[in-house]
Amino acid sequence: MAKLVTPSRDRERAPATPPRREERVLARFGTPNRLGGSFECERVAAGGKFWVLRGLATPEMEEGEEGASLASPGELDARTWDTISSNLNDLCFHLNSKISNIKKSLQLRKIDQDPSLKTVLNKVVHEMFLLNSLLNKLEEEYHHQWRLQKKLKELQTSVERDYLEAQRLGENVPIYLPQATQGSSIGIALKEKEPCKAEENKSSKKPAKVSKCIREAPFITAEEFENVPSYMKGRLTHSQVNAVVAEINKAVASKYSIMRQPVKTMVNATRNLYFRFQEEETKDTKGEYFIVDADIEEFTSLKVDKRFHSILTILRHCHRVREIRGSRLVRYALC
């Protein structure tokens, strides 16, 4: 009996026939995927339908162990197709750019052989050299301006520091510094005894009057104060000593301003002081500017005590005053 074969079984056992008209395009992509393998795709066109042979080779597989399966594009993973498409686009763009650069290089290679373009090329080269020199000058100017800015910042810092120092000194001016007053001047030399220049009064009726400046004792400098022995200074400071010098100059100016007044214009108190000044004069005090303890108490706010005498010792050591004794009085004359 002949064996019956159902159509379904025959269809299953029938070998798969390849398409009659086929057009194979092999594209191999060497870009590794996330699994570390490579794709090999084969597109078959037959009967208006497209079939893709997809194979995936991984490092774990041996040679010849590529899995192959037929699948339609719609069944492929979307990420795989995106990767393939982007890689193809990048490769095409890279190749096109290389080809374009090669074409431009070939065109520029022959530019010096064309007489019409050779002149233009020479001008371009000349302008390039000029541009290079201008860039060098610009760089030098930039460095010069940068150094100048640095120096200006240093100068600004120095000026601000000096300004603050001057402001601090202006706010802390010592009280013993001399002030410009009309009819008085400060003696510069320590042993200067000559009177000031006379002022001539050009009057036809009265003779010229001579006005003398009242001498003043110079202040003690910081260097002189440092050279004073320690047993003389004690706890006294430089400013305290100069404050006493200022008071002594004040007493001398008050005394000799009275001595130069006419006696007829004086009041009783001033006349009594004038007569006392006359009695204190001796042959040793002729031409000297001096005061006594009573003048210190009369014209200043100082007290004639131990501290005052300690400062007088320093003034005698620095040759600012000297003592003239006689008639039971101690006279302090300016040097």
C-alpha atoms as a PDB file:
ATOM      1  CA  MET A   1       0.000   0.000   0.000  1.00  0.00           C
ATOM      2  CA  ALA A   2       1.157   3.398  -0.725  1.00  0.00           C
ATOM      3  CA  LYS A   3       1.748   5.651   2.198  1.00  0.00           C
ATOM      4  CA  LEU A   4      -0.473   8.653   2.341  1.00  0.00           C
ATOM      5  CA  VAL A   5       1.144  11.909   3.177  1.00  0.00           C
ATOM      6  CA  THR A   6      -0.966  14.734   4.400  1.00  0.00           C
ATOM      7  CA  PRO A   7      -0.421  18.101   2.854  1.00  0.00           C
ATOM      8  CA  SER A   8       0.581  19.527   6.158  1.00  0.00           C
ATOM      9  CA  ARG A   9       3.265  16.918   6.714  1.00  0.00           C
ATOM     10  CA  ASP A  10       4.513  17.344   3.184  1.00  0.00           C
ATOM     11  CA  ARG A  11       4.761  21.051   3.735  1.00  0.00           C
ATOM     12  CA  GLU A  12       6.772  20.483   6.890  1.00  0.00           C
ATOM     13  CA  ARG A  13       9.192  18.079   5.315  1.00  0.00           C
ATOM     14  CA  ALA A  14       9.603  20.066   2.130  1.00  0.00           C
ATOM     15  CA  PRO A  15      12.970  21.797   2.043  1.00  0.00           C
ATOM     16  CA  ALA A  16      13.000  25.553   2.082  1.00  0.00           C
ATOM     17  CA  THR A  17      13.638  26.789  -1.433  1.00  0.00           C
ATOM     18  CA  PRO A  18      15.617  29.986  -1.809  1.00  0.00           C
ATOM     19  CA  PRO A  19      14.072  32.901  -3.662  1.00  0.00           C
ATOM     20  CA  ARG A  20      14.335  32.762  -7.409  1.00  0.00           C
ATOM     21  CA  ARG A  21      15.489  36.331  -7.834  1.00  0.00           C
ATOM     22  CA  GLU A  22      17.806  37.329  -5.098  1.00  0.00           C
ATOM     23  CA  GLU A  23      20.044  40.262  -4.623  1.00  0.00           C
ATOM     24  CA  ARG A  24      22.474  39.908  -1.806  1.00  0.00           C
ATOM     25  CA  VAL A  25      24.232  42.891  -0.238  1.00  0.00           C
ATOM     26  CA  LEU A  26      26.688  42.085   2.513  1.00  0.00           C
ATOM     27  CA  ALA A  27      27.415  44.808   5.078  1.00  0.00           C
ATOM     28  CA  ARG A  28      29.670  44.042   7.969  1.00  0.00           C
ATOM     29  CA  PHE A  29      29.995  46.537  10.895  1.00  0.00           C
ATOM     30  CA  GLY A  30      33.105  46.296  13.006  1.00  0.00           C
ATOM     31  CA  THR A  31      31.694  48.554  15.771  1.00  0.00           C
ATOM     32  CA  PRO A  32      31.290  46.402  18.901  1.00  0.00           C
ATOM     33  CA  ASN A  33      27.891  46.343  20.529  1.00  0.00           C
ATOM     34  CA  ARG A  34      27.126  46.201  24.238  1.00  0.00           C
ATOM     35  CA  LEU A  35      27.821  42.453  24.285  1.00  0.00           C
ATOM     36  CA  GLY A  36      31.289  42.915  22.827  1.00  0.00           C
ATOM     37  CA  GLY A  37      30.527  41.220  19.466  1.00  0.00           C
ATOM     38  CA  SER A  38      29.918  42.396  15.897  1.00  0.00           C
ATOM     39  CA  PHE A  39      26.925  42.398  13.580  1.00  0.00           C
ATOM     40  CA  GLU A  40      26.834  40.756  10.190  1.00  0.00           C
ATOM     41  CA  CYS A  41      23.743  41.567   8.175  1.00  0.00           C
ATOM     42  CA  GLU A  42      22.672  40.154   4.812  1.00  0.00           C
ATOM     43  CA  ARG A  43      19.701  41.643   3.009  1.00  0.00           C
ATOM     44  CA  VAL A  44      17.817  39.417   0.592  1.00  0.00           C
ATOM     45  CA  ALA A  45      15.293  40.853  -1.848  1.00  0.00           C
ATOM     46  CA  ALA A  46      12.912  38.358  -3.349  1.00  0.00           C
ATOM     47  CA  GLY A  47       9.398  38.681  -4.575  1.00  0.00           C
ATOM     48  CA  GLY A  48       8.985  42.196  -3.262  1.00  0.00           C
ATOM     49  CA  LYS A  49       9.614  41.090   0.323  1.00  0.00           C
ATOM     50  CA  PHE A  50      12.772  41.748   2.326  1.00  0.00           C
ATOM     51  CA  TRP A  51      14.390  39.262   4.658  1.00  0.00           C
ATOM     52  CA  VAL A  52      17.413  39.943   6.848  1.00  0.00           C
ATOM     53  CA  LEU A  53      19.913  37.331   7.941  1.00  0.00           C
ATOM     54  CA  ARG A  54      21.201  38.474  11.364  1.00  0.00           C
ATOM     55  CA  GLY A  55      24.168  36.905  13.109  1.00  0.00           C
ATOM     56  CA  LEU A  56      25.700  37.839  16.483  1.00  0.00           C
ATOM     57  CA  ALA A  57      29.233  36.789  17.353  1.00  0.00           C
ATOM     58  CA  THR A  58      30.363  37.170  20.953  1.00  0.00           C
ATOM     59  CA  PRO A  59      33.858  36.723  22.487  1.00  0.00           C
ATOM     60  CA  GLU A  60      32.693  33.584  24.245  1.00  0.00           C
ATOM     61  CA  MET A  61      31.799  31.887  20.937  1.00  0.00           C
ATOM     62  CA  GLU A  62      34.354  29.977  18.980  1.00  0.00           C
ATOM     63  CA  GLU A  63      34.995  30.536  15.308  1.00  0.00           C
ATOM     64  CA  GLY A  64      32.083  29.380  13.178  1.00  0.00           C
ATOM     65  CA  GLU A  65      29.615  29.415  16.053  1.00  0.00           C
ATOM     66  CA  GLU A  66      27.585  32.375  14.895  1.00  0.00           C
ATOM     67  CA  GLY A  67      23.883  32.109  15.442  1.00  0.00           C
ATOM     68  CA  ALA A  68      21.840  32.944  12.379  1.00  0.00           C
ATOM     69  CA  SER A  69      18.171  33.571  12.022  1.00  0.00           C
ATOM     70  CA  LEU A  70      15.864  35.164   9.522  1.00  0.00           C
ATOM     71  CA  ALA A  71      13.882  38.094  10.820  1.00  0.00           C
ATOM     72  CA  SER A  72      12.035  41.017   9.350  1.00  0.00           C
ATOM     73  CA  PRO A  73      13.140  44.635  10.114  1.00  0.00           C
ATOM     74  CA  GLY A  74      10.142  45.173  12.282  1.00  0.00           C
ATOM     75  CA  GLU A  75      11.236  42.332  14.562  1.00  0.00           C
ATOM     76  CA  LEU A  76      14.752  43.658  15.114  1.00  0.00           C
ATOM     77  CA  ASP A  77      15.619  45.567  18.241  1.00  0.00           C
ATOM     78  CA  ALA A  78      15.134  49.325  17.747  1.00  0.00           C
ATOM     79  CA  ARG A  79      18.375  50.186  19.540  1.00  0.00           C
ATOM     80  CA  THR A  80      20.373  47.926  17.249  1.00  0.00           C
ATOM     81  CA  TRP A  81      19.015  49.655  14.137  1.00  0.00           C
ATOM     82  CA  ASP A  82      19.659  53.093  15.620  1.00  0.00           C
ATOM     83  CA  THR A  83      23.267  52.195  16.368  1.00  0.00           C
ATOM     84  CA  ILE A  84      23.820  50.828  12.872  1.00  0.00           C
ATOM     85  CA  SER A  85      22.226  53.886  11.255  1.00  0.00           C
ATOM     86  CA  SER A  86      24.216  56.397  13.309  1.00  0.00           C
ATOM     87  CA  ASN A  87      27.485  54.576  12.633  1.00  0.00           C
ATOM     88  CA  LEU A  88      26.789  54.586   8.908  1.00  0.00           C
ATOM     89  CA  ASN A  89      25.994  58.303   8.922  1.00  0.00           C
ATOM     90  CA  ASP A  90      29.146  59.133  10.875  1.00  0.00           C
ATOM     91  CA  LEU A  91      31.266  57.034   8.553  1.00  0.00           C
ATOM     92  CA  CYS A  92      29.796  58.694   5.471  1.00  0.00           C
ATOM     93  CA  PHE A  93      30.304  62.169   6.893  1.00  0.00           C
ATOM     94  CA  HIS A  94      33.918  61.392   7.816  1.00  0.00           C
ATOM     95  CA  LEU A  95      34.717  59.998   4.376  1.00  0.00           C
ATOM     96  CA  ASN A  96      33.067  62.933   2.619  1.00  0.00           C
ATOM     97  CA  SER A  97      35.033  65.458   4.694  1.00  0.00           C
ATOM     98  CA  LYS A  98      38.295  63.654   3.943  1.00  0.00           C
ATOM     99  CA  ILE A  99      37.539  63.610   0.237  1.00  0.00           C
ATOM    100  CA  SER A 100      36.662  67.313   0.287  1.00  0.00           C
ATOM    101  CA  ASN A 101      39.930  68.177   2.050  1.00  0.00           C
ATOM    102  CA  ILE A 102      41.914  66.163  -0.470  1.00  0.00           C
ATOM    103  CA  LYS A 103      40.238  67.979  -3.354  1.00  0.00           C
ATOM    104  CA  LYS A 104      40.997  71.376  -1.821  1.00  0.00           C
ATOM    105  CA  SER A 105      44.616  70.383  -1.208  1.00  0.00           C
ATOM    106  CA  LEU A 106      45.021  69.316  -4.821  1.00  0.00           C
ATOM    107  CA  GLN A 107      43.550  72.590  -6.010  1.00  0.00           C
ATOM    108  CA  LEU A 108      45.803  74.655  -3.751  1.00  0.00           C
ATOM    109  CA  ARG A 109      48.838  72.643  -4.803  1.00  0.00           C
ATOM    110  CA  LYS A 110      48.616  73.960  -8.327  1.00  0.00           C
ATOM    111  CA  ILE A 111      47.844  77.560  -7.401  1.00  0.00           C
ATOM    112  CA  ASP A 112      51.454  78.741  -7.743  1.00  0.00           C
ATOM    113  CA  GLN A 113      51.563  77.460 -11.324  1.00  0.00           C
ATOM    114  CA  ASP A 114      48.812  79.835 -12.394  1.00  0.00           C
ATOM    115  CA  PRO A 115      50.266  83.304 -13.196  1.00  0.00           C
ATOM    116  CA  SER A 116      46.994  85.047 -12.416  1.00  0.00           C
ATOM    117  CA  LEU A 117      46.785  83.503  -8.962  1.00  0.00           C
ATOM    118  CA  LYS A 118      50.483  83.732  -8.139  1.00  0.00           C
ATOM    119  CA  THR A 119      50.250  87.491  -7.545  1.00  0.00           C
ATOM    120  CA  VAL A 120      47.285  87.019  -5.252  1.00  0.00           C
ATOM    121  CA  LEU A 121      49.167  84.328  -3.363  1.00  0.00           C
ATOM    122  CA  ASN A 122      52.146  86.632  -2.858  1.00  0.00           C
ATOM    123  CA  LYS A 123      49.867  89.355  -1.522  1.00  0.00           C
ATOM    124  CA  VAL A 124      48.240  86.920   0.876  1.00  0.00           C
ATOM    125  CA  VAL A 125      51.641  85.780   2.146  1.00  0.00           C
ATOM    126  CA  HIS A 126      52.764  89.396   2.578  1.00  0.00           C
ATOM    127  CA  GLU A 127      49.607  90.265   4.497  1.00  0.00           C
ATOM    128  CA  MET A 128      50.090  87.217   6.691  1.00  0.00           C
ATOM    129  CA  PHE A 129      53.566  88.447   7.657  1.00  0.00           C
ATOM    130  CA  LEU A 130      52.177  91.902   8.393  1.00  0.00           C
ATOM    131  CA  LEU A 131      49.427  90.406  10.497  1.00  0.00           C
ATOM    132  CA  ASN A 132      51.974  88.348  12.402  1.00  0.00           C
ATOM    133  CA  SER A 133      54.076  91.435  13.158  1.00  0.00           C
ATOM    134  CA  LEU A 134      50.981  93.316  14.321  1.00  0.00           C
ATOM    135  CA  LEU A 135      50.096  90.461  16.633  1.00  0.00           C
ATOM    136  CA  ASN A 136      53.609  90.534  18.091  1.00  0.00           C
ATOM    137  CA  LYS A 137      53.363  94.284  18.712  1.00  0.00           C
ATOM    138  CA  LEU A 138      49.956  93.833  20.284  1.00  0.00           C
ATOM    139  CA  GLU A 139      51.351  91.191  22.613  1.00  0.00           C
ATOM    140  CA  GLU A 140      54.257  93.452  23.620  1.00  0.00           C
ATOM    141  CA  GLU A 141      51.860  96.327  24.296  1.00  0.00           C
ATOM    142  CA  TYR A 142      49.698  94.049  26.405  1.00  0.00           C
ATOM    143  CA  HIS A 143      52.667  93.015  28.557  1.00  0.00           C
ATOM    144  CA  HIS A 144      53.745  96.668  28.866  1.00  0.00           C
ATOM    145  CA  GLN A 145      50.281  97.730  30.008  1.00  0.00           C
ATOM    146  CA  TRP A 146      50.175  94.826  32.440  1.00  0.00           C
ATOM    147  CA  ARG A 147      53.502  95.851  34.021  1.00  0.00           C
ATOM    148  CA  LEU A 148      52.347  99.480  34.150  1.00  0.00           C
ATOM    149  CA  GLN A 149      49.121  98.458  35.874  1.00  0.00           C
ATOM    150  CA  LYS A 150      51.107  96.476  38.444  1.00  0.00           C
ATOM    151  CA  LYS A 151      53.320  99.490  39.206  1.00  0.00           C
ATOM    152  CA  LEU A 152      50.275 101.751  39.498  1.00  0.00           C
ATOM    153  CA  LYS A 153      48.704  99.375  42.013  1.00  0.00           C
ATOM    154  CA  GLU A 154      51.913  99.417  44.077  1.00  0.00           C
ATOM    155  CA  LEU A 155      51.998 103.226  43.889  1.00  0.00           C
ATOM    156  CA  GLN A 156      48.354 103.425  44.943  1.00  0.00           C
ATOM    157  CA  THR A 157      49.045 101.194  47.945  1.00  0.00           C
ATOM    158  CA  SER A 158      52.037 103.347  48.938  1.00  0.00           C
ATOM    159  CA  VAL A 159      50.058 106.601  48.589  1.00  0.00           C
ATOM    160  CA  GLU A 160      47.182 105.224  50.667  1.00  0.00           C
ATOM    161  CA  ARG A 161      49.619 104.118  53.368  1.00  0.00           C
ATOM    162  CA  ASP A 162      51.315 107.541  53.428  1.00  0.00           C
ATOM    163  CA  TYR A 163      47.935 109.275  53.511  1.00  0.00           C
ATOM    164  CA  LEU A 164      46.808 107.243  56.518  1.00  0.00           C
ATOM    165  CA  GLU A 165      50.123 107.962  58.249  1.00  0.00           C
ATOM    166  CA  ALA A 166      49.799 111.701  57.574  1.00  0.00           C
ATOM    167  CA  GLN A 167      46.210 111.659  58.794  1.00  0.00           C
ATOM    168  CA  ARG A 168      47.262 109.898  61.985  1.00  0.00           C
ATOM    169  CA  LEU A 169      50.059 112.424  62.563  1.00  0.00           C
ATOM    170  CA  GLY A 170      47.663 115.293  61.918  1.00  0.00           C
ATOM    171  CA  GLU A 171      45.264 113.977  64.535  1.00  0.00           C
ATOM    172  CA  ASN A 172      48.063 113.495  67.096  1.00  0.00           C
ATOM    173  CA  VAL A 173      50.095 116.718  66.810  1.00  0.00           C
ATOM    174  CA  PRO A 174      52.132 117.270  70.005  1.00  0.00           C
ATOM    175  CA  ILE A 175      51.059 120.274  72.020  1.00  0.00           C
ATOM    176  CA  TYR A 176      54.626 121.468  72.477  1.00  0.00           C
ATOM    177  CA  LEU A 177      55.261 122.135  68.778  1.00  0.00           C
ATOM    178  CA  PRO A 178      55.854 125.837  68.009  1.00  0.00           C
ATOM    179  CA  GLN A 179      53.055 127.895  66.527  1.00  0.00           C
ATOM    180  CA  ALA A 180      53.383 130.996  64.396  1.00  0.00           C
ATOM    181  CA  THR A 181      52.683 134.027  66.577  1.00  0.00           C
ATOM    182  CA  GLN A 182      53.126 137.684  65.701  1.00  0.00           C
ATOM    183  CA  GLY A 183      56.151 139.280  67.351  1.00  0.00           C
ATOM    184  CA  SER A 184      57.922 136.037  68.354  1.00  0.00           C
ATOM    185  CA  SER A 185      60.314 133.567  66.733  1.00  0.00           C
ATOM    186  CA  ILE A 186      62.118 130.385  67.664  1.00  0.00           C
ATOM    187  CA  GLY A 187      65.876 130.450  68.102  1.00  0.00           C
ATOM    188  CA  ILE A 188      67.588 127.918  65.853  1.00  0.00           C
ATOM    189  CA  ALA A 189      71.137 127.959  67.225  1.00  0.00           C
ATOM    190  CA  LEU A 190      71.566 126.831  70.810  1.00  0.00           C
ATOM    191  CA  LYS A 191      73.894 129.675  71.769  1.00  0.00           C
ATOM    192  CA  GLU A 192      72.404 132.406  69.619  1.00  0.00           C
ATOM    193  CA  LYS A 193      72.309 135.666  71.536  1.00  0.00           C
ATOM    194  CA  GLU A 194      72.036 138.249  68.771  1.00  0.00           C
ATOM    195  CA  PRO A 195      68.785 140.269  68.604  1.00  0.00           C
ATOM    196  CA  CYS A 196      66.495 140.176  65.559  1.00  0.00           C
ATOM    197  CA  LYS A 197      66.878 142.676  62.755  1.00  0.00           C
ATOM    198  CA  ALA A 198      65.574 146.165  63.422  1.00  0.00           C
ATOM    199  CA  GLU A 199      62.553 147.429  61.593  1.00  0.00           C
ATOM    200  CA  GLU A 200      63.193 150.851  60.125  1.00  0.00           C
ATOM    201  CA  ASN A 201      60.448 153.429  60.393  1.00  0.00           C
ATOM    202  CA  LYS A 202      60.869 155.884  57.564  1.00  0.00           C
ATOM    203  CA  SER A 203      59.425 158.909  59.264  1.00  0.00           C
ATOM    204  CA  SER A 204      60.845 162.389  58.859  1.00  0.00           C
ATOM    205  CA  LYS A 205      59.737 163.561  62.322  1.00  0.00           C
ATOM    206  CA  LYS A 206      60.491 160.578  64.623  1.00  0.00           C
ATOM    207  CA  PRO A 207      63.608 158.412  64.708  1.00  0.00           C
ATOM    208  CA  ALA A 208      63.348 154.787  63.676  1.00  0.00           C
ATOM    209  CA  LYS A 209      62.205 152.368  66.379  1.00  0.00           C
ATOM    210  CA  VAL A 210      63.918 149.030  66.829  1.00  0.00           C
ATOM    211  CA  SER A 211      61.776 146.066  67.928  1.00  0.00           C
ATOM    212  CA  LYS A 212      63.556 143.025  69.284  1.00  0.00           C
ATOM    213  CA  CYS A 213      62.201 139.516  69.061  1.00  0.00           C
ATOM    214  CA  ILE A 214      61.859 137.569  72.261  1.00  0.00           C
ATOM    215  CA  ARG A 215      64.091 134.545  72.263  1.00  0.00           C
ATOM    216  CA  GLU A 216      62.668 131.074  72.847  1.00  0.00           C
ATOM    217  CA  ALA A 217      64.272 127.808  73.877  1.00  0.00           C
ATOM    218  CA  PRO A 218      64.279 125.109  71.172  1.00  0.00           C
ATOM    219  CA  PHE A 219      62.455 121.890  71.957  1.00  0.00           C
ATOM    220  CA  ILE A 220      64.263 118.699  72.884  1.00  0.00           C
ATOM    221  CA  THR A 221      64.658 116.334  69.951  1.00  0.00           C
ATOM    222  CA  ALA A 222      64.056 112.601  70.233  1.00  0.00           C
ATOM    223  CA  GLU A 223      67.745 111.876  69.682  1.00  0.00           C
ATOM    224  CA  GLU A 224      68.769 114.271  72.462  1.00  0.00           C
ATOM    225  CA  PHE A 225      66.233 112.749  74.815  1.00  0.00           C
ATOM    226  CA  GLU A 226      67.596 109.268  74.119  1.00  0.00           C
ATOM    227  CA  ASN A 227      71.102 110.444  75.060  1.00  0.00           C
ATOM    228  CA  VAL A 228      69.946 111.768  78.442  1.00  0.00           C
ATOM    229  CA  PRO A 229      71.135 109.472  81.265  1.00  0.00           C
ATOM    230  CA  SER A 230      68.501 107.200  82.725  1.00  0.00           C
ATOM    231  CA  TYR A 231      68.927 108.522  86.268  1.00  0.00           C
ATOM    232  CA  MET A 232      67.927 111.984  85.013  1.00  0.00           C
ATOM    233  CA  LYS A 233      64.912 110.865  83.009  1.00  0.00           C
ATOM    234  CA  GLY A 234      63.385 108.477  85.513  1.00  0.00           C
ATOM    235  CA  ARG A 235      59.785 108.016  84.389  1.00  0.00           C
ATOM    236  CA  LEU A 236      59.627 111.282  82.476  1.00  0.00           C
ATOM    237  CA  THR A 237      58.686 111.148  78.817  1.00  0.00           C
ATOM    238  CA  HIS A 238      59.797 113.164  75.846  1.00  0.00           C
ATOM    239  CA  SER A 239      56.445 114.940  75.532  1.00  0.00           C
ATOM    240  CA  GLN A 240      56.415 115.938  79.218  1.00  0.00           C
ATOM    241  CA  VAL A 241      59.831 117.568  78.934  1.00  0.00           C
ATOM    242  CA  ASN A 242      58.863 119.518  75.821  1.00  0.00           C
ATOM    243  CA  ALA A 243      55.626 120.611  77.487  1.00  0.00           C
ATOM    244  CA  VAL A 244      57.714 122.283  80.221  1.00  0.00           C
ATOM    245  CA  VAL A 245      59.882 123.912  77.533  1.00  0.00           C
ATOM    246  CA  ALA A 246      56.736 125.398  75.982  1.00  0.00           C
ATOM    247  CA  GLU A 247      55.607 126.773  79.364  1.00  0.00           C
ATOM    248  CA  ILE A 248      59.031 128.329  79.985  1.00  0.00           C
ATOM    249  CA  ASN A 249      58.899 130.055  76.595  1.00  0.00           C
ATOM    250  CA  LYS A 250      55.430 131.305  77.465  1.00  0.00           C
ATOM    251  CA  ALA A 251      56.651 132.777  80.769  1.00  0.00           C
ATOM    252  CA  VAL A 252      59.641 134.453  79.078  1.00  0.00           C
ATOM    253  CA  ALA A 253      57.406 135.984  76.402  1.00  0.00           C
ATOM    254  CA  SER A 254      54.945 137.304  79.010  1.00  0.00           C
ATOM    255  CA  LYS A 255      57.696 138.809  81.157  1.00  0.00           C
ATOM    256  CA  TYR A 256      59.567 140.627  78.413  1.00  0.00           C
ATOM    257  CA  SER A 257      56.410 141.856  76.734  1.00  0.00           C
ATOM    258  CA  ILE A 258      55.736 143.705  80.003  1.00  0.00           C
ATOM    259  CA  MET A 259      59.315 144.950  80.142  1.00  0.00           C
ATOM    260  CA  ARG A 260      58.879 146.601  76.743  1.00  0.00           C
ATOM    261  CA  GLN A 261      55.707 148.470  77.613  1.00  0.00           C
ATOM    262  CA  PRO A 262      55.810 152.135  78.617  1.00  0.00           C
ATOM    263  CA  VAL A 263      55.497 152.553  82.378  1.00  0.00           C
ATOM    264  CA  LYS A 264      52.854 155.266  82.075  1.00  0.00           C
ATOM    265  CA  THR A 265      50.441 152.943  80.304  1.00  0.00           C
ATOM    266  CA  MET A 266      50.672 150.160  82.899  1.00  0.00           C
ATOM    267  CA  VAL A 267      48.095 149.361  85.536  1.00  0.00           C
ATOM    268  CA  ASN A 268      49.154 148.945  89.177  1.00  0.00           C
ATOM    269  CA  ALA A 269      49.525 145.140  89.047  1.00  0.00           C
ATOM    270  CA  THR A 270      51.575 145.262  85.873  1.00  0.00           C
ATOM    271  CA  ARG A 271      53.658 148.171  87.247  1.00  0.00           C
ATOM    272  CA  ASN A 272      54.491 146.149  90.364  1.00  0.00           C
ATOM    273  CA  LEU A 273      55.657 143.253  88.190  1.00  0.00           C
ATOM    274  CA  TYR A 274      57.753 145.653  86.154  1.00  0.00           C
ATOM    275  CA  PHE A 275      59.529 147.007  89.229  1.00  0.00           C
ATOM    276  CA  ARG A 276      60.145 143.441  90.475  1.00  0.00           C
ATOM    277  CA  PHE A 277      61.706 142.541  87.145  1.00  0.00           C
ATOM    278  CA  GLN A 278      63.972 145.560  87.442  1.00  0.00           C
ATOM    279  CA  GLU A 279      65.126 144.521  90.914  1.00  0.00           C
ATOM    280  CA  GLU A 280      66.006 141.009  89.693  1.00  0.00           C
ATOM    281  CA  GLU A 281      68.391 142.373  87.072  1.00  0.00           C
ATOM    282  CA  THR A 282      72.136 142.159  87.824  1.00  0.00           C
ATOM    283  CA  LYS A 283      75.299 142.707  85.898  1.00  0.00           C
ATOM    284  CA  ASP A 284      75.394 138.967  85.122  1.00  0.00           C
ATOM    285  CA  THR A 285      71.920 139.031  83.538  1.00  0.00           C
ATOM    286  CA  LYS A 286      72.617 141.868  81.124  1.00  0.00           C
ATOM    287  CA  GLY A 287      71.460 140.840  77.646  1.00  0.00           C
ATOM    288  CA  GLU A 288      69.995 137.573  78.955  1.00  0.00           C
ATOM    289  CA  TYR A 289      66.424 136.311  78.866  1.00  0.00           C
ATOM    290  CA  PHE A 290      65.675 134.726  82.222  1.00  0.00           C
ATOM    291  CA  ILE A 291      62.846 133.946  84.621  1.00  0.00           C
ATOM    292  CA  VAL A 292      62.559 132.954  88.251  1.00  0.00           C
ATOM    293  CA  ASP A 293      60.260 130.622  90.187  1.00  0.00           C
ATOM    294  CA  ALA A 294      57.779 133.456  90.784  1.00  0.00           C
ATOM    295  CA  ASP A 295      57.442 133.999  87.035  1.00  0.00           C
ATOM    296  CA  ILE A 296      56.659 130.312  86.523  1.00  0.00           C
ATOM    297  CA  GLU A 297      53.823 130.489  89.032  1.00  0.00           C
ATOM    298  CA  GLU A 298      52.631 133.868  87.708  1.00  0.00           C
ATOM    299  CA  PHE A 299      52.427 133.179  83.986  1.00  0.00           C
ATOM    300  CA  THR A 300      52.044 129.393  83.723  1.00  0.00           C
ATOM    301  CA  SER A 301      50.053 126.577  85.270  1.00  0.00           C
ATOM    302  CA  LEU A 302      53.168 124.680  86.349  1.00  0.00           C
ATOM    303  CA  LYS A 303      54.055 123.970  89.949  1.00  0.00           C
ATOM    304  CA  VAL A 304      57.595 124.510  91.153  1.00  0.00           C
ATOM    305  CA  ASP A 305      58.039 121.079  92.715  1.00  0.00           C
ATOM    306  CA  LYS A 306      60.437 118.154  92.582  1.00  0.00           C
ATOM    307  CA  ARG A 307      59.216 117.041  89.164  1.00  0.00           C
ATOM    308  CA  PHE A 308      59.759 120.544  87.750  1.00  0.00           C
ATOM    309  CA  HIS A 309      63.331 120.639  89.049  1.00  0.00           C
ATOM    310  CA  SER A 310      63.984 117.175  87.562  1.00  0.00           C
ATOM    311  CA  ILE A 311      62.937 118.488  84.161  1.00  0.00           C
ATOM    312  CA  LEU A 312      65.137 121.569  84.652  1.00  0.00           C
ATOM    313  CA  THR A 313      68.064 119.212  85.235  1.00  0.00           C
ATOM    314  CA  ILE A 314      67.398 117.610  81.842  1.00  0.00           C
ATOM    315  CA  LEU A 315      67.124 121.045  80.199  1.00  0.00           C
ATOM    316  CA  ARG A 316      70.455 122.096  81.696  1.00  0.00           C
ATOM    317  CA  HIS A 317      71.994 118.842  80.444  1.00  0.00           C
ATOM    318  CA  CYS A 318      70.690 119.558  76.916  1.00  0.00           C
ATOM    319  CA  HIS A 319      71.860 123.199  77.073  1.00  0.00           C
ATOM    320  CA  ARG A 320      68.426 124.755  76.922  1.00  0.00           C
ATOM    321  CA  VAL A 321      68.644 126.739  80.176  1.00  0.00           C
ATOM    322  CA  ARG A 322      71.335 127.614  82.691  1.00  0.00           C
ATOM    323  CA  GLU A 323      71.201 128.904  86.247  1.00  0.00           C
ATOM    324  CA  ILE A 324      72.378 132.346  87.351  1.00  0.00           C
ATOM    325  CA  ARG A 325      72.523 132.642  91.129  1.00  0.00           C
ATOM    326  CA  GLY A 326      72.807 135.806  93.158  1.00  0.00           C
ATOM    327  CA  SER A 327      70.882 137.988  95.650  1.00  0.00           C
ATOM    328  CA  ARG A 328      69.218 134.871  97.082  1.00  0.00           C
ATOM    329  CA  LEU A 329      67.539 134.099  93.740  1.00  0.00           C
ATOM    330  CA  VAL A 330      67.956 131.333  91.196  1.00  0.00           C
ATOM    331  CA  ARG A 331      67.476 132.697  87.708  1.00  0.00           C
ATOM    332  CA  TYR A 332      66.810 130.338  84.746  1.00  0.00           C
ATOM    333  CA  ALA A 333      68.343 131.958  81.676  1.00  0.00           C
ATOM    334  CA  LEU A 334      67.816 130.717  78.137  1.00  0.00           C
ATOM    335  CA  CYS A 335      70.952 129.448  76.435  1.00  0.00           C
END
